[in-house]
Amino acid sequence: AIAEVTRAARTDASLETHVEALTDVRIRLTDTATELSAYVA
């Protein structure tokens, strides 16, 4: 989703905010996945 919206934002700059929101979601999901992995370990 980040890749597709980033590509579209090159044409329409108003989509940059959605790129930032999706990037934040990725970070949160990555941190949570890491914590769950540690819990299992």
PDB file of all heavy atoms in Angstrom:
ATOM      1  N   ALA A   1       0.842  -1.205   0.000  1.00  0.00           N
ATOM      2  CA  ALA A   1       0.000   0.000   0.000  1.00  0.00           C
ATOM      3  C   ALA A   1       0.873   1.249   0.000  1.00  0.00           C
ATOM      4  O   ALA A   1       0.584   2.242  -0.682  1.00  0.00           O
ATOM      5  CB  ALA A   1      -0.918  -0.002   1.210  1.00  0.00           C
ATOM      6  N   ILE A   2       1.961   1.215   0.742  1.00  0.00           N
ATOM      7  CA  ILE A   2       2.875   2.369   0.799  1.00  0.00           C
ATOM      8  C   ILE A   2       3.473   2.632  -0.582  1.00  0.00           C
ATOM      9  O   ILE A   2       3.567   3.780  -1.041  1.00  0.00           O
ATOM     10  CB  ILE A   2       3.975   2.143   1.841  1.00  0.00           C
ATOM     11  CG1 ILE A   2       3.372   2.173   3.257  1.00  0.00           C
ATOM     12  CG2 ILE A   2       5.085   3.188   1.718  1.00  0.00           C
ATOM     13  CD1 ILE A   2       4.362   1.767   4.331  1.00  0.00           C
ATOM     14  N   ALA A   3       3.871   1.537  -1.236  1.00  0.00           N
ATOM     15  CA  ALA A   3       4.501   1.677  -2.550  1.00  0.00           C
ATOM     16  C   ALA A   3       3.531   2.284  -3.561  1.00  0.00           C
ATOM     17  O   ALA A   3       3.891   3.191  -4.338  1.00  0.00           O
ATOM     18  CB  ALA A   3       5.000   0.314  -3.039  1.00  0.00           C
ATOM     19  N   GLU A   4       2.297   1.819  -3.542  1.00  0.00           N
ATOM     20  CA  GLU A   4       1.306   2.317  -4.503  1.00  0.00           C
ATOM     21  C   GLU A   4       0.949   3.770  -4.224  1.00  0.00           C
ATOM     22  O   GLU A   4       0.847   4.603  -5.136  1.00  0.00           O
ATOM     23  CB  GLU A   4       0.049   1.441  -4.461  1.00  0.00           C
ATOM     24  CG  GLU A   4       0.258   0.030  -4.983  1.00  0.00           C
ATOM     25  CD  GLU A   4       0.685   0.007  -6.450  1.00  0.00           C
ATOM     26  OE1 GLU A   4       0.255   0.895  -7.231  1.00  0.00           O
ATOM     27  OE2 GLU A   4       1.490  -0.872  -6.815  1.00  0.00           O
ATOM     28  N   VAL A   5       0.750   4.138  -2.977  1.00  0.00           N
ATOM     29  CA  VAL A   5       0.363   5.516  -2.650  1.00  0.00           C
ATOM     30  C   VAL A   5       1.537   6.464  -2.895  1.00  0.00           C
ATOM     31  O   VAL A   5       1.350   7.608  -3.351  1.00  0.00           O
ATOM     32  CB  VAL A   5      -0.135   5.609  -1.196  1.00  0.00           C
ATOM     33  CG1 VAL A   5      -0.420   7.057  -0.824  1.00  0.00           C
ATOM     34  CG2 VAL A   5      -1.390   4.766  -1.010  1.00  0.00           C
ATOM     35  N   THR A   6       2.746   5.953  -2.654  1.00  0.00           N
ATOM     36  CA  THR A   6       3.936   6.797  -2.884  1.00  0.00           C
ATOM     37  C   THR A   6       4.052   7.128  -4.374  1.00  0.00           C
ATOM     38  O   THR A   6       4.358   8.268  -4.764  1.00  0.00           O
ATOM     39  CB  THR A   6       5.216   6.090  -2.402  1.00  0.00           C
ATOM     40  OG1 THR A   6       5.090   5.874  -0.998  1.00  0.00           O
ATOM     41  CG2 THR A   6       6.450   6.933  -2.689  1.00  0.00           C
ATOM     42  N   ARG A   7       3.798   6.097  -5.190  1.00  0.00           N
ATOM     43  CA  ARG A   7       3.853   6.317  -6.624  1.00  0.00           C
ATOM     44  C   ARG A   7       2.795   7.325  -7.046  1.00  0.00           C
ATOM     45  O   ARG A   7       3.041   8.234  -7.842  1.00  0.00           O
ATOM     46  CB  ARG A   7       3.647   4.981  -7.379  1.00  0.00           C
ATOM     47  CG  ARG A   7       3.766   5.088  -8.914  1.00  0.00           C
ATOM     48  CD  ARG A   7       3.715   3.705  -9.538  1.00  0.00           C
ATOM     49  NE  ARG A   7       2.482   3.006  -9.274  1.00  0.00           N
ATOM     50  CZ  ARG A   7       1.305   3.288  -9.904  1.00  0.00           C
ATOM     51  NH1 ARG A   7       1.245   4.198 -10.818  1.00  0.00           N
ATOM     52  NH2 ARG A   7       0.212   2.591  -9.591  1.00  0.00           N
ATOM     53  N   ALA A   8       1.612   7.208  -6.507  1.00  0.00           N
ATOM     54  CA  ALA A   8       0.533   8.134  -6.886  1.00  0.00           C
ATOM     55  C   ALA A   8       0.807   9.541  -6.393  1.00  0.00           C
ATOM     56  O   ALA A   8       0.428  10.539  -7.018  1.00  0.00           O
ATOM     57  CB  ALA A   8      -0.796   7.632  -6.317  1.00  0.00           C
ATOM     58  N   ALA A   9       1.519   9.651  -5.255  1.00  0.00           N
ATOM     59  CA  ALA A   9       1.797  10.967  -4.671  1.00  0.00           C
ATOM     60  C   ALA A   9       2.777  11.766  -5.515  1.00  0.00           C
ATOM     61  O   ALA A   9       2.854  12.992  -5.387  1.00  0.00           O
ATOM     62  CB  ALA A   9       2.344  10.798  -3.265  1.00  0.00           C
ATOM     63  N   ARG A  10       3.495  11.070  -6.425  1.00  0.00           N
ATOM     64  CA  ARG A  10       4.403  11.801  -7.260  1.00  0.00           C
ATOM     65  C   ARG A  10       3.616  12.669  -8.235  1.00  0.00           C
ATOM     66  O   ARG A  10       4.100  13.693  -8.705  1.00  0.00           O
ATOM     67  CB  ARG A  10       5.282  10.823  -8.061  1.00  0.00           C
ATOM     68  CG  ARG A  10       6.238  10.026  -7.189  1.00  0.00           C
ATOM     69  CD  ARG A  10       7.252   9.275  -8.066  1.00  0.00           C
ATOM     70  NE  ARG A  10       8.014   8.318  -7.264  1.00  0.00           N
ATOM     71  CZ  ARG A  10       7.860   7.015  -7.258  1.00  0.00           C
ATOM     72  NH1 ARG A  10       6.924   6.476  -8.057  1.00  0.00           N
ATOM     73  NH2 ARG A  10       8.588   6.240  -6.497  1.00  0.00           N
ATOM     74  N   THR A  11       2.385  12.233  -8.499  1.00  0.00           N
ATOM     75  CA  THR A  11       1.512  13.011  -9.382  1.00  0.00           C
ATOM     76  C   THR A  11       0.642  13.959  -8.577  1.00  0.00           C
ATOM     77  O   THR A  11       0.450  15.120  -8.950  1.00  0.00           O
ATOM     78  CB  THR A  11       0.623  12.064 -10.217  1.00  0.00           C
ATOM     79  OG1 THR A  11       1.450  11.177 -10.970  1.00  0.00           O
ATOM     80  CG2 THR A  11      -0.295  12.847 -11.160  1.00  0.00           C
ATOM     81  N   ASP A  12       0.122  13.445  -7.434  1.00  0.00           N
ATOM     82  CA  ASP A  12      -0.781  14.272  -6.597  1.00  0.00           C
ATOM     83  C   ASP A  12      -0.166  14.392  -5.206  1.00  0.00           C
ATOM     84  O   ASP A  12      -0.201  13.454  -4.392  1.00  0.00           O
ATOM     85  CB  ASP A  12      -2.159  13.608  -6.513  1.00  0.00           C
ATOM     86  CG  ASP A  12      -3.159  14.485  -5.781  1.00  0.00           C
ATOM     87  OD1 ASP A  12      -2.753  15.543  -5.244  1.00  0.00           O
ATOM     88  OD2 ASP A  12      -4.344  14.073  -5.696  1.00  0.00           O
ATOM     89  N   ALA A  13       0.428  15.543  -4.928  1.00  0.00           N
ATOM     90  CA  ALA A  13       1.151  15.759  -3.661  1.00  0.00           C
ATOM     91  C   ALA A  13       0.241  15.645  -2.439  1.00  0.00           C
ATOM     92  O   ALA A  13       0.695  15.420  -1.313  1.00  0.00           O
ATOM     93  CB  ALA A  13       1.817  17.135  -3.690  1.00  0.00           C
ATOM     94  N   SER A  14      -1.072  15.788  -2.640  1.00  0.00           N
ATOM     95  CA  SER A  14      -1.982  15.716  -1.475  1.00  0.00           C
ATOM     96  C   SER A  14      -2.000  14.318  -0.858  1.00  0.00           C
ATOM     97  O   SER A  14      -2.471  14.129   0.264  1.00  0.00           O
ATOM     98  CB  SER A  14      -3.399  16.116  -1.900  1.00  0.00           C
ATOM     99  OG  SER A  14      -3.931  15.175  -2.848  1.00  0.00           O
ATOM    100  N   LEU A  15      -1.468  13.315  -1.573  1.00  0.00           N
ATOM    101  CA  LEU A  15      -1.442  11.949  -1.021  1.00  0.00           C
ATOM    102  C   LEU A  15      -0.263  11.709  -0.073  1.00  0.00           C
ATOM    103  O   LEU A  15      -0.150  10.635   0.523  1.00  0.00           O
ATOM    104  CB  LEU A  15      -1.373  10.963  -2.202  1.00  0.00           C
ATOM    105  CG  LEU A  15      -2.607  10.925  -3.114  1.00  0.00           C
ATOM    106  CD1 LEU A  15      -2.340  10.021  -4.315  1.00  0.00           C
ATOM    107  CD2 LEU A  15      -3.819  10.412  -2.320  1.00  0.00           C
ATOM    108  N   GLU A  16       0.605  12.712   0.083  1.00  0.00           N
ATOM    109  CA  GLU A  16       1.768  12.549   0.960  1.00  0.00           C
ATOM    110  C   GLU A  16       1.346  12.244   2.410  1.00  0.00           C
ATOM    111  O   GLU A  16       1.994  11.488   3.135  1.00  0.00           O
ATOM    112  CB  GLU A  16       2.617  13.830   0.930  1.00  0.00           C
ATOM    113  CG  GLU A  16       3.413  14.031  -0.342  1.00  0.00           C
ATOM    114  CD  GLU A  16       4.487  12.983  -0.509  1.00  0.00           C
ATOM    115  OE1 GLU A  16       4.915  12.362   0.520  1.00  0.00           O
ATOM    116  OE2 GLU A  16       4.921  12.752  -1.639  1.00  0.00           O
ATOM    117  N   THR A  17       0.259  12.851   2.850  1.00  0.00           N
ATOM    118  CA  THR A  17      -0.187  12.605   4.237  1.00  0.00           C
ATOM    119  C   THR A  17      -0.576  11.145   4.419  1.00  0.00           C
ATOM    120  O   THR A  17      -0.369  10.564   5.493  1.00  0.00           O
ATOM    121  CB  THR A  17      -1.391  13.506   4.587  1.00  0.00           C
ATOM    122  OG1 THR A  17      -2.448  13.279   3.634  1.00  0.00           O
ATOM    123  CG2 THR A  17      -0.990  14.965   4.526  1.00  0.00           C
ATOM    124  N   HIS A  18      -1.120  10.522   3.376  1.00  0.00           N
ATOM    125  CA  HIS A  18      -1.494   9.107   3.487  1.00  0.00           C
ATOM    126  C   HIS A  18      -0.253   8.221   3.495  1.00  0.00           C
ATOM    127  O   HIS A  18      -0.254   7.178   4.152  1.00  0.00           O
ATOM    128  CB  HIS A  18      -2.411   8.737   2.324  1.00  0.00           C
ATOM    129  CG  HIS A  18      -3.712   9.498   2.329  1.00  0.00           C
ATOM    130  ND1 HIS A  18      -4.630   9.381   3.333  1.00  0.00           N
ATOM    131  CD2 HIS A  18      -4.223  10.403   1.440  1.00  0.00           C
ATOM    132  CE1 HIS A  18      -5.657  10.176   3.077  1.00  0.00           C
ATOM    133  NE2 HIS A  18      -5.427  10.823   1.928  1.00  0.00           N
ATOM    134  N   VAL A  19       0.780   8.686   2.776  1.00  0.00           N
ATOM    135  CA  VAL A  19       2.039   7.933   2.817  1.00  0.00           C
ATOM    136  C   VAL A  19       2.587   7.933   4.236  1.00  0.00           C
ATOM    137  O   VAL A  19       3.042   6.907   4.764  1.00  0.00           O
ATOM    138  CB  VAL A  19       3.057   8.551   1.828  1.00  0.00           C
ATOM    139  CG1 VAL A  19       4.417   7.855   1.973  1.00  0.00           C
ATOM    140  CG2 VAL A  19       2.566   8.416   0.389  1.00  0.00           C
ATOM    141  N   GLU A  20       2.536   9.101   4.881  1.00  0.00           N
ATOM    142  CA  GLU A  20       3.044   9.212   6.267  1.00  0.00           C
ATOM    143  C   GLU A  20       2.222   8.338   7.221  1.00  0.00           C
ATOM    144  O   GLU A  20       2.773   7.672   8.109  1.00  0.00           O
ATOM    145  CB  GLU A  20       2.977  10.668   6.708  1.00  0.00           C
ATOM    146  CG  GLU A  20       3.943  11.574   5.956  1.00  0.00           C
ATOM    147  CD  GLU A  20       3.766  13.035   6.340  1.00  0.00           C
ATOM    148  OE1 GLU A  20       2.895  13.302   7.227  1.00  0.00           O
ATOM    149  OE2 GLU A  20       4.502  13.881   5.807  1.00  0.00           O
ATOM    150  N   ALA A  21       0.889   8.329   7.027  1.00  0.00           N
ATOM    151  CA  ALA A  21       0.030   7.530   7.912  1.00  0.00           C
ATOM    152  C   ALA A  21       0.323   6.048   7.749  1.00  0.00           C
ATOM    153  O   ALA A  21       0.417   5.292   8.731  1.00  0.00           O
ATOM    154  CB  ALA A  21      -1.441   7.815   7.612  1.00  0.00           C
ATOM    155  N   LEU A  22       0.477   5.602   6.476  1.00  0.00           N
ATOM    156  CA  LEU A  22       0.775   4.185   6.236  1.00  0.00           C
ATOM    157  C   LEU A  22       2.157   3.815   6.791  1.00  0.00           C
ATOM    158  O   LEU A  22       2.364   2.701   7.296  1.00  0.00           O
ATOM    159  CB  LEU A  22       0.692   3.893   4.736  1.00  0.00           C
ATOM    160  CG  LEU A  22      -0.737   3.898   4.149  1.00  0.00           C
ATOM    161  CD1 LEU A  22      -0.677   3.842   2.612  1.00  0.00           C
ATOM    162  CD2 LEU A  22      -1.523   2.707   4.693  1.00  0.00           C
ATOM    163  N   THR A  23       3.117   4.733   6.651  1.00  0.00           N
ATOM    164  CA  THR A  23       4.461   4.476   7.202  1.00  0.00           C
ATOM    165  C   THR A  23       4.379   4.275   8.719  1.00  0.00           C
ATOM    166  O   THR A  23       5.037   3.403   9.302  1.00  0.00           O
ATOM    167  CB  THR A  23       5.395   5.648   6.879  1.00  0.00           C
ATOM    168  OG1 THR A  23       5.458   5.805   5.451  1.00  0.00           O
ATOM    169  CG2 THR A  23       6.786   5.408   7.434  1.00  0.00           C
ATOM    170  N   ASP A  24       3.564   5.097   9.401  1.00  0.00           N
ATOM    171  CA  ASP A  24       3.407   4.978  10.860  1.00  0.00           C
ATOM    172  C   ASP A  24       2.773   3.635  11.209  1.00  0.00           C
ATOM    173  O   ASP A  24       3.184   2.990  12.189  1.00  0.00           O
ATOM    174  CB  ASP A  24       2.524   6.125  11.361  1.00  0.00           C
ATOM    175  CG  ASP A  24       2.371   6.107  12.857  1.00  0.00           C
ATOM    176  OD1 ASP A  24       3.408   6.156  13.553  1.00  0.00           O
ATOM    177  OD2 ASP A  24       1.227   6.051  13.378  1.00  0.00           O
ATOM    178  N   VAL A  25       1.805   3.179  10.406  1.00  0.00           N
ATOM    179  CA  VAL A  25       1.178   1.877  10.652  1.00  0.00           C
ATOM    180  C   VAL A  25       2.216   0.765  10.539  1.00  0.00           C
ATOM    181  O   VAL A  25       2.233  -0.185  11.333  1.00  0.00           O
ATOM    182  CB  VAL A  25       0.017   1.655   9.667  1.00  0.00           C
ATOM    183  CG1 VAL A  25      -0.475   0.198   9.726  1.00  0.00           C
ATOM    184  CG2 VAL A  25      -1.121   2.602   9.969  1.00  0.00           C
ATOM    185  N   ARG A  26       3.089   0.874   9.498  1.00  0.00           N
ATOM    186  CA  ARG A  26       4.134  -0.152   9.320  1.00  0.00           C
ATOM    187  C   ARG A  26       5.031  -0.243  10.548  1.00  0.00           C
ATOM    188  O   ARG A  26       5.383  -1.326  11.013  1.00  0.00           O
ATOM    189  CB  ARG A  26       4.952   0.175   8.075  1.00  0.00           C
ATOM    190  CG  ARG A  26       6.051  -0.861   7.774  1.00  0.00           C
ATOM    191  CD  ARG A  26       6.916  -0.419   6.630  1.00  0.00           C
ATOM    192  NE  ARG A  26       7.585   0.839   6.929  1.00  0.00           N
ATOM    193  CZ  ARG A  26       8.287   1.544   6.036  1.00  0.00           C
ATOM    194  NH1 ARG A  26       8.337   1.151   4.780  1.00  0.00           N
ATOM    195  NH2 ARG A  26       8.867   2.668   6.391  1.00  0.00           N
ATOM    196  N   ILE A  27       5.435   0.956  11.036  1.00  0.00           N
ATOM    197  CA  ILE A  27       6.332   0.967  12.219  1.00  0.00           C
ATOM    198  C   ILE A  27       5.649   0.293  13.416  1.00  0.00           C
ATOM    199  O   ILE A  27       6.251  -0.514  14.135  1.00  0.00           O
ATOM    200  CB  ILE A  27       6.732   2.414  12.556  1.00  0.00           C
ATOM    201  CG1 ILE A  27       7.604   2.988  11.441  1.00  0.00           C
ATOM    202  CG2 ILE A  27       7.451   2.471  13.894  1.00  0.00           C
ATOM    203  CD1 ILE A  27       7.881   4.473  11.582  1.00  0.00           C
ATOM    204  N   ARG A  28       4.378   0.662  13.663  1.00  0.00           N
ATOM    205  CA  ARG A  28       3.647   0.099  14.802  1.00  0.00           C
ATOM    206  C   ARG A  28       3.507  -1.433  14.658  1.00  0.00           C
ATOM    207  O   ARG A  28       3.697  -2.175  15.635  1.00  0.00           O
ATOM    208  CB  ARG A  28       2.266   0.728  14.908  1.00  0.00           C
ATOM    209  CG  ARG A  28       2.291   2.178  15.370  1.00  0.00           C
ATOM    210  CD  ARG A  28       0.883   2.777  15.329  1.00  0.00           C
ATOM    211  NE  ARG A  28       0.891   4.146  15.793  1.00  0.00           N
ATOM    212  CZ  ARG A  28       0.763   4.525  17.072  1.00  0.00           C
ATOM    213  NH1 ARG A  28       0.645   3.603  18.006  1.00  0.00           N
ATOM    214  NH2 ARG A  28       0.774   5.799  17.404  1.00  0.00           N
ATOM    215  N   LEU A  29       3.189  -1.879  13.440  1.00  0.00           N
ATOM    216  CA  LEU A  29       3.040  -3.321  13.234  1.00  0.00           C
ATOM    217  C   LEU A  29       4.371  -4.049  13.436  1.00  0.00           C
ATOM    218  O   LEU A  29       4.413  -5.153  13.987  1.00  0.00           O
ATOM    219  CB  LEU A  29       2.504  -3.577  11.824  1.00  0.00           C
ATOM    220  CG  LEU A  29       1.029  -3.208  11.587  1.00  0.00           C
ATOM    221  CD1 LEU A  29       0.667  -3.405  10.113  1.00  0.00           C
ATOM    222  CD2 LEU A  29       0.124  -4.053  12.482  1.00  0.00           C
ATOM    223  N   THR A  30       5.447  -3.408  12.972  1.00  0.00           N
ATOM    224  CA  THR A  30       6.772  -4.032  13.126  1.00  0.00           C
ATOM    225  C   THR A  30       7.122  -4.171  14.601  1.00  0.00           C
ATOM    226  O   THR A  30       7.609  -5.218  15.049  1.00  0.00           O
ATOM    227  CB  THR A  30       7.846  -3.186  12.407  1.00  0.00           C
ATOM    228  OG1 THR A  30       7.503  -3.084  11.007  1.00  0.00           O
ATOM    229  CG2 THR A  30       9.217  -3.806  12.554  1.00  0.00           C
ATOM    230  N   ASP A  31       6.902  -3.080  15.393  1.00  0.00           N
ATOM    231  CA  ASP A  31       7.213  -3.121  16.841  1.00  0.00           C
ATOM    232  C   ASP A  31       6.383  -4.186  17.541  1.00  0.00           C
ATOM    233  O   ASP A  31       6.888  -4.954  18.373  1.00  0.00           O
ATOM    234  CB  ASP A  31       6.931  -1.766  17.482  1.00  0.00           C
ATOM    235  CG  ASP A  31       7.944  -0.699  17.036  1.00  0.00           C
ATOM    236  OD1 ASP A  31       9.009  -1.097  16.515  1.00  0.00           O
ATOM    237  OD2 ASP A  31       7.658   0.509  17.259  1.00  0.00           O
ATOM    238  N   THR A  32       5.098  -4.243  17.214  1.00  0.00           N
ATOM    239  CA  THR A  32       4.226  -5.222  17.865  1.00  0.00           C
ATOM    240  C   THR A  32       4.657  -6.642  17.505  1.00  0.00           C
ATOM    241  O   THR A  32       4.682  -7.532  18.375  1.00  0.00           O
ATOM    242  CB  THR A  32       2.764  -5.000  17.447  1.00  0.00           C
ATOM    243  OG1 THR A  32       2.356  -3.681  17.821  1.00  0.00           O
ATOM    244  CG2 THR A  32       1.845  -6.018  18.096  1.00  0.00           C
ATOM    245  N   ALA A  33       5.007  -6.862  16.230  1.00  0.00           N
ATOM    246  CA  ALA A  33       5.457  -8.198  15.811  1.00  0.00           C
ATOM    247  C   ALA A  33       6.716  -8.590  16.559  1.00  0.00           C
ATOM    248  O   ALA A  33       6.883  -9.747  16.968  1.00  0.00           O
ATOM    249  CB  ALA A  33       5.685  -8.210  14.305  1.00  0.00           C
ATOM    250  N   THR A  34       7.626  -7.613  16.724  1.00  0.00           N
ATOM    251  CA  THR A  34       8.871  -7.893  17.445  1.00  0.00           C
ATOM    252  C   THR A  34       8.574  -8.282  18.895  1.00  0.00           C
ATOM    253  O   THR A  34       9.166  -9.220  19.446  1.00  0.00           O
ATOM    254  CB  THR A  34       9.791  -6.650  17.422  1.00  0.00           C
ATOM    255  OG1 THR A  34      10.080  -6.334  16.049  1.00  0.00           O
ATOM    256  CG2 THR A  34      11.076  -6.903  18.164  1.00  0.00           C
ATOM    257  N   GLU A  35       7.671  -7.549  19.561  1.00  0.00           N
ATOM    258  CA  GLU A  35       7.319  -7.829  20.964  1.00  0.00           C
ATOM    259  C   GLU A  35       6.645  -9.187  21.108  1.00  0.00           C
ATOM    260  O   GLU A  35       6.911  -9.937  22.064  1.00  0.00           O
ATOM    261  CB  GLU A  35       6.410  -6.718  21.507  1.00  0.00           C
ATOM    262  CG  GLU A  35       7.122  -5.382  21.667  1.00  0.00           C
ATOM    263  CD  GLU A  35       6.159  -4.250  21.995  1.00  0.00           C
ATOM    264  OE1 GLU A  35       4.938  -4.523  22.055  1.00  0.00           O
ATOM    265  OE2 GLU A  35       6.607  -3.105  22.187  1.00  0.00           O
ATOM    266  N   LEU A  36       5.787  -9.541  20.147  1.00  0.00           N
ATOM    267  CA  LEU A  36       5.138 -10.848  20.200  1.00  0.00           C
ATOM    268  C   LEU A  36       6.155 -11.961  20.020  1.00  0.00           C
ATOM    269  O   LEU A  36       6.067 -13.021  20.650  1.00  0.00           O
ATOM    270  CB  LEU A  36       4.044 -10.935  19.131  1.00  0.00           C
ATOM    271  CG  LEU A  36       2.820 -10.030  19.360  1.00  0.00           C
ATOM    272  CD1 LEU A  36       1.864 -10.146  18.166  1.00  0.00           C
ATOM    273  CD2 LEU A  36       2.110 -10.415  20.642  1.00  0.00           C
ATOM    274  N   SER A  37       7.151 -11.726  19.132  1.00  0.00           N
ATOM    275  CA  SER A  37       8.208 -12.719  18.918  1.00  0.00           C
ATOM    276  C   SER A  37       9.015 -12.924  20.197  1.00  0.00           C
ATOM    277  O   SER A  37       9.348 -14.047  20.580  1.00  0.00           O
ATOM    278  CB  SER A  37       9.132 -12.265  17.782  1.00  0.00           C
ATOM    279  OG  SER A  37      10.190 -13.184  17.603  1.00  0.00           O
ATOM    280  N   ALA A  38       9.303 -11.784  20.903  1.00  0.00           N
ATOM    281  CA  ALA A  38      10.049 -11.876  22.153  1.00  0.00           C
ATOM    282  C   ALA A  38       9.240 -12.618  23.218  1.00  0.00           C
ATOM    283  O   ALA A  38       9.785 -13.376  24.031  1.00  0.00           O
ATOM    284  CB  ALA A  38      10.405 -10.466  22.643  1.00  0.00           C
ATOM    285  N   TYR A  39       7.921 -12.376  23.266  1.00  0.00           N
ATOM    286  CA  TYR A  39       7.061 -13.054  24.240  1.00  0.00           C
ATOM    287  C   TYR A  39       7.119 -14.568  24.043  1.00  0.00           C
ATOM    288  O   TYR A  39       7.257 -15.335  24.994  1.00  0.00           O
ATOM    289  CB  TYR A  39       5.627 -12.547  24.103  1.00  0.00           C
ATOM    290  CG  TYR A  39       4.664 -13.233  25.056  1.00  0.00           C
ATOM    291  CD1 TYR A  39       4.553 -12.815  26.382  1.00  0.00           C
ATOM    292  CD2 TYR A  39       3.882 -14.305  24.618  1.00  0.00           C
ATOM    293  CE1 TYR A  39       3.683 -13.458  27.253  1.00  0.00           C
ATOM    294  CE2 TYR A  39       3.011 -14.949  25.482  1.00  0.00           C
ATOM    295  CZ  TYR A  39       2.909 -14.518  26.807  1.00  0.00           C
ATOM    296  OH  TYR A  39       2.064 -15.143  27.682  1.00  0.00           O
ATOM    297  N   VAL A  40       7.039 -14.990  22.735  1.00  0.00           N
ATOM    298  CA  VAL A  40       7.111 -16.431  22.450  1.00  0.00           C
ATOM    299  C   VAL A  40       8.474 -16.979  22.836  1.00  0.00           C
ATOM    300  O   VAL A  40       8.592 -18.072  23.409  1.00  0.00           O
ATOM    301  CB  VAL A  40       6.818 -16.700  20.962  1.00  0.00           C
ATOM    302  CG1 VAL A  40       7.056 -18.173  20.611  1.00  0.00           C
ATOM    303  CG2 VAL A  40       5.386 -16.312  20.625  1.00  0.00           C
ATOM    304  N   ALA A  41       9.551 -16.187  22.548  1.00  0.00           N
ATOM    305  CA  ALA A  41      10.911 -16.639  22.876  1.00  0.00           C
ATOM    306  C   ALA A  41      11.128 -16.751  24.371  1.00  0.00           C
ATOM    307  O   ALA A  41      11.956 -17.545  24.839  1.00  0.00           O
ATOM    308  CB  ALA A  41      11.927 -15.674  22.258  1.00  0.00           C
TER     309      ALA A  41
END
